[in-house]
Amino acid sequence: MQREEKESPLKFYAKYSTLGLQMIVIMVAGAFGGKAIDGWLDWDFPVFTLALTILSVAGAVFYGMRGLFKK
């Protein structure tokens, strides 16, 4: 019979807090990247800010789900 090792609480919190921080970084990078492109193009409506923010949120959710269900 194999011994089951419990995951320490510190490792558990570190794993999920790191995942949350990575998701935040993805979303912030998309928003600032879109803002930089819109500033460079000098358009009236912030097309790239909206598009990249929405895409980065979707990407962060996908990344988070993948990380949650990974063993």
N, C-alpha and C. Protein backbone atom coordinates (compact mmCIF):
# COMPACT_ATOMS: atom_id res chain seq x y z
N MET A 1 0.84 -1.17 0.00
CA MET A 1 0.00 0.00 0.00
C MET A 1 0.90 1.25 0.00
N GLN A 2 0.57 2.20 -0.84
CA GLN A 2 1.37 3.42 -0.92
C GLN A 2 0.88 4.44 0.09
N ARG A 3 1.83 5.18 0.59
CA ARG A 3 1.51 6.22 1.56
C ARG A 3 1.06 7.48 0.83
N GLU A 4 -0.06 8.02 1.24
CA GLU A 4 -0.54 9.25 0.63
C GLU A 4 0.07 10.43 1.37
N GLU A 5 0.69 11.30 0.61
CA GLU A 5 1.28 12.48 1.22
C GLU A 5 0.33 13.65 1.04
N LYS A 6 0.04 14.32 2.14
CA LYS A 6 -0.83 15.48 2.08
C LYS A 6 -0.03 16.69 1.61
N GLU A 7 -0.68 17.52 0.85
CA GLU A 7 -0.05 18.76 0.41
C GLU A 7 -0.10 19.76 1.55
N SER A 8 1.03 20.39 1.81
CA SER A 8 1.06 21.33 2.93
C SER A 8 0.20 22.55 2.60
N PRO A 9 -0.38 23.18 3.62
CA PRO A 9 -1.22 24.36 3.37
C PRO A 9 -0.46 25.50 2.72
N LEU A 10 0.81 25.64 3.07
CA LEU A 10 1.61 26.71 2.48
C LEU A 10 1.79 26.50 0.98
N LYS A 11 2.03 25.26 0.58
CA LYS A 11 2.19 24.95 -0.84
C LYS A 11 0.87 25.16 -1.58
N PHE A 12 -0.24 24.82 -0.94
CA PHE A 12 -1.57 25.01 -1.52
C PHE A 12 -1.84 26.49 -1.78
N TYR A 13 -1.59 27.35 -0.79
CA TYR A 13 -1.82 28.78 -0.95
C TYR A 13 -0.86 29.41 -1.94
N ALA A 14 0.38 28.96 -1.95
CA ALA A 14 1.36 29.49 -2.89
C ALA A 14 0.97 29.16 -4.32
N LYS A 15 0.47 27.97 -4.55
CA LYS A 15 0.09 27.54 -5.89
C LYS A 15 -1.05 28.41 -6.44
N TYR A 16 -2.08 28.63 -5.65
CA TYR A 16 -3.23 29.36 -6.15
C TYR A 16 -3.05 30.87 -6.12
N SER A 17 -2.24 31.37 -5.21
CA SER A 17 -1.98 32.81 -5.24
C SER A 17 -1.09 33.16 -6.41
N THR A 18 -0.15 32.29 -6.76
CA THR A 18 0.68 32.50 -7.94
C THR A 18 -0.17 32.47 -9.20
N LEU A 19 -1.10 31.55 -9.27
CA LEU A 19 -1.99 31.47 -10.42
C LEU A 19 -2.82 32.75 -10.56
N GLY A 20 -3.32 33.26 -9.45
CA GLY A 20 -4.10 34.50 -9.48
C GLY A 20 -3.26 35.69 -9.91
N LEU A 21 -2.04 35.78 -9.41
CA LEU A 21 -1.16 36.88 -9.80
C LEU A 21 -0.80 36.81 -11.28
N GLN A 22 -0.58 35.61 -11.80
CA GLN A 22 -0.28 35.47 -13.21
C GLN A 22 -1.46 35.89 -14.08
N MET A 23 -2.66 35.58 -13.64
CA MET A 23 -3.86 36.00 -14.37
C MET A 23 -3.98 37.52 -14.38
N ILE A 24 -3.70 38.15 -13.25
CA ILE A 24 -3.75 39.62 -13.17
C ILE A 24 -2.72 40.24 -14.10
N VAL A 25 -1.51 39.67 -14.14
CA VAL A 25 -0.46 40.21 -15.01
C VAL A 25 -0.87 40.09 -16.48
N ILE A 26 -1.51 39.00 -16.87
CA ILE A 26 -1.96 38.83 -18.25
C ILE A 26 -2.99 39.91 -18.60
N MET A 27 -3.95 40.16 -17.70
CA MET A 27 -4.98 41.15 -17.98
C MET A 27 -4.42 42.57 -18.03
N VAL A 28 -3.53 42.90 -17.12
CA VAL A 28 -2.93 44.24 -17.09
C VAL A 28 -2.06 44.46 -18.32
N ALA A 29 -1.32 43.44 -18.73
CA ALA A 29 -0.48 43.57 -19.92
C ALA A 29 -1.34 43.81 -21.17
N GLY A 30 -2.47 43.13 -21.27
CA GLY A 30 -3.36 43.35 -22.41
C GLY A 30 -3.94 44.75 -22.42
N ALA A 31 -4.35 45.24 -21.26
CA ALA A 31 -4.93 46.58 -21.17
C ALA A 31 -3.90 47.66 -21.50
N PHE A 32 -2.70 47.55 -20.90
CA PHE A 32 -1.68 48.57 -21.17
C PHE A 32 -1.14 48.47 -22.60
N GLY A 33 -1.07 47.25 -23.13
CA GLY A 33 -0.64 47.09 -24.52
C GLY A 33 -1.63 47.73 -25.48
N GLY A 34 -2.91 47.52 -25.24
CA GLY A 34 -3.94 48.16 -26.08
C GLY A 34 -3.92 49.67 -25.96
N LYS A 35 -3.70 50.15 -24.75
CA LYS A 35 -3.63 51.60 -24.55
C LYS A 35 -2.43 52.19 -25.27
N ALA A 36 -1.31 51.49 -25.25
CA ALA A 36 -0.11 51.97 -25.94
C ALA A 36 -0.32 51.99 -27.45
N ILE A 37 -0.96 50.98 -27.99
CA ILE A 37 -1.22 50.95 -29.44
C ILE A 37 -2.18 52.06 -29.82
N ASP A 38 -3.23 52.26 -29.03
CA ASP A 38 -4.18 53.35 -29.31
C ASP A 38 -3.52 54.71 -29.21
N GLY A 39 -2.62 54.89 -28.27
CA GLY A 39 -1.90 56.15 -28.15
C GLY A 39 -0.98 56.38 -29.33
N TRP A 40 -0.38 55.31 -29.82
CA TRP A 40 0.52 55.40 -30.97
C TRP A 40 -0.24 55.73 -32.25
N LEU A 41 -1.43 55.13 -32.41
CA LEU A 41 -2.24 55.37 -33.61
C LEU A 41 -3.04 56.66 -33.52
N ASP A 42 -3.27 57.16 -32.32
CA ASP A 42 -4.01 58.40 -32.08
C ASP A 42 -5.41 58.38 -32.69
N TRP A 43 -6.13 57.30 -32.42
CA TRP A 43 -7.51 57.19 -32.88
C TRP A 43 -8.44 57.79 -31.83
N ASP A 44 -9.65 58.18 -32.27
CA ASP A 44 -10.63 58.76 -31.35
C ASP A 44 -11.22 57.71 -30.41
N PHE A 45 -11.53 56.55 -30.95
CA PHE A 45 -12.15 55.48 -30.15
C PHE A 45 -11.08 54.44 -29.79
N PRO A 46 -11.00 54.00 -28.53
CA PRO A 46 -9.94 53.08 -28.10
C PRO A 46 -10.22 51.62 -28.50
N VAL A 47 -10.09 51.33 -29.78
CA VAL A 47 -10.40 50.01 -30.31
C VAL A 47 -9.47 48.94 -29.72
N PHE A 48 -8.18 49.20 -29.77
CA PHE A 48 -7.23 48.18 -29.32
C PHE A 48 -7.26 48.00 -27.81
N THR A 49 -7.54 49.05 -27.07
CA THR A 49 -7.66 48.91 -25.62
C THR A 49 -8.80 47.96 -25.28
N LEU A 50 -9.95 48.16 -25.90
CA LEU A 50 -11.10 47.28 -25.64
C LEU A 50 -10.83 45.86 -26.12
N ALA A 51 -10.33 45.73 -27.34
CA ALA A 51 -10.13 44.40 -27.91
C ALA A 51 -9.08 43.61 -27.14
N LEU A 52 -7.94 44.21 -26.85
CA LEU A 52 -6.90 43.49 -26.13
C LEU A 52 -7.26 43.22 -24.68
N THR A 53 -8.04 44.11 -24.07
CA THR A 53 -8.49 43.85 -22.71
C THR A 53 -9.43 42.65 -22.66
N ILE A 54 -10.37 42.60 -23.59
CA ILE A 54 -11.30 41.47 -23.63
C ILE A 54 -10.56 40.17 -23.96
N LEU A 55 -9.64 40.22 -24.91
CA LEU A 55 -8.88 39.01 -25.26
C LEU A 55 -7.97 38.56 -24.11
N SER A 56 -7.39 39.51 -23.40
CA SER A 56 -6.51 39.13 -22.30
C SER A 56 -7.31 38.56 -21.12
N VAL A 57 -8.51 39.07 -20.88
CA VAL A 57 -9.35 38.48 -19.83
C VAL A 57 -9.75 37.05 -20.21
N ALA A 58 -10.12 36.85 -21.47
CA ALA A 58 -10.47 35.49 -21.92
C ALA A 58 -9.25 34.57 -21.83
N GLY A 59 -8.09 35.08 -22.22
CA GLY A 59 -6.88 34.28 -22.12
C GLY A 59 -6.50 33.96 -20.69
N ALA A 60 -6.69 34.91 -19.79
CA ALA A 60 -6.38 34.68 -18.38
C ALA A 60 -7.34 33.65 -17.77
N VAL A 61 -8.60 33.71 -18.15
CA VAL A 61 -9.56 32.72 -17.65
C VAL A 61 -9.20 31.33 -18.17
N PHE A 62 -8.84 31.24 -19.44
CA PHE A 62 -8.42 29.96 -20.02
C PHE A 62 -7.17 29.44 -19.31
N TYR A 63 -6.20 30.33 -19.09
CA TYR A 63 -4.97 29.96 -18.39
C TYR A 63 -5.28 29.50 -16.95
N GLY A 64 -6.18 30.20 -16.29
CA GLY A 64 -6.55 29.85 -14.93
C GLY A 64 -7.26 28.50 -14.84
N MET A 65 -8.17 28.25 -15.77
CA MET A 65 -8.87 26.97 -15.78
C MET A 65 -7.90 25.82 -16.06
N ARG A 66 -6.98 26.06 -16.97
CA ARG A 66 -5.99 25.04 -17.28
C ARG A 66 -5.12 24.75 -16.05
N GLY A 67 -4.77 25.80 -15.31
CA GLY A 67 -3.96 25.62 -14.12
C GLY A 67 -4.72 24.97 -12.97
N LEU A 68 -6.01 25.24 -12.87
CA LEU A 68 -6.81 24.65 -11.80
C LEU A 68 -7.02 23.15 -11.98
N PHE A 69 -7.19 22.73 -13.22
CA PHE A 69 -7.50 21.33 -13.47
C PHE A 69 -6.27 20.48 -13.77
N LYS A 70 -5.10 21.10 -13.73
CA LYS A 70 -3.86 20.35 -13.94
C LYS A 70 -3.50 19.63 -12.64
N LYS A 71 -3.07 18.42 -12.75
CA LYS A 71 -2.74 17.64 -11.54
C LYS A 71 -1.34 17.92 -11.11
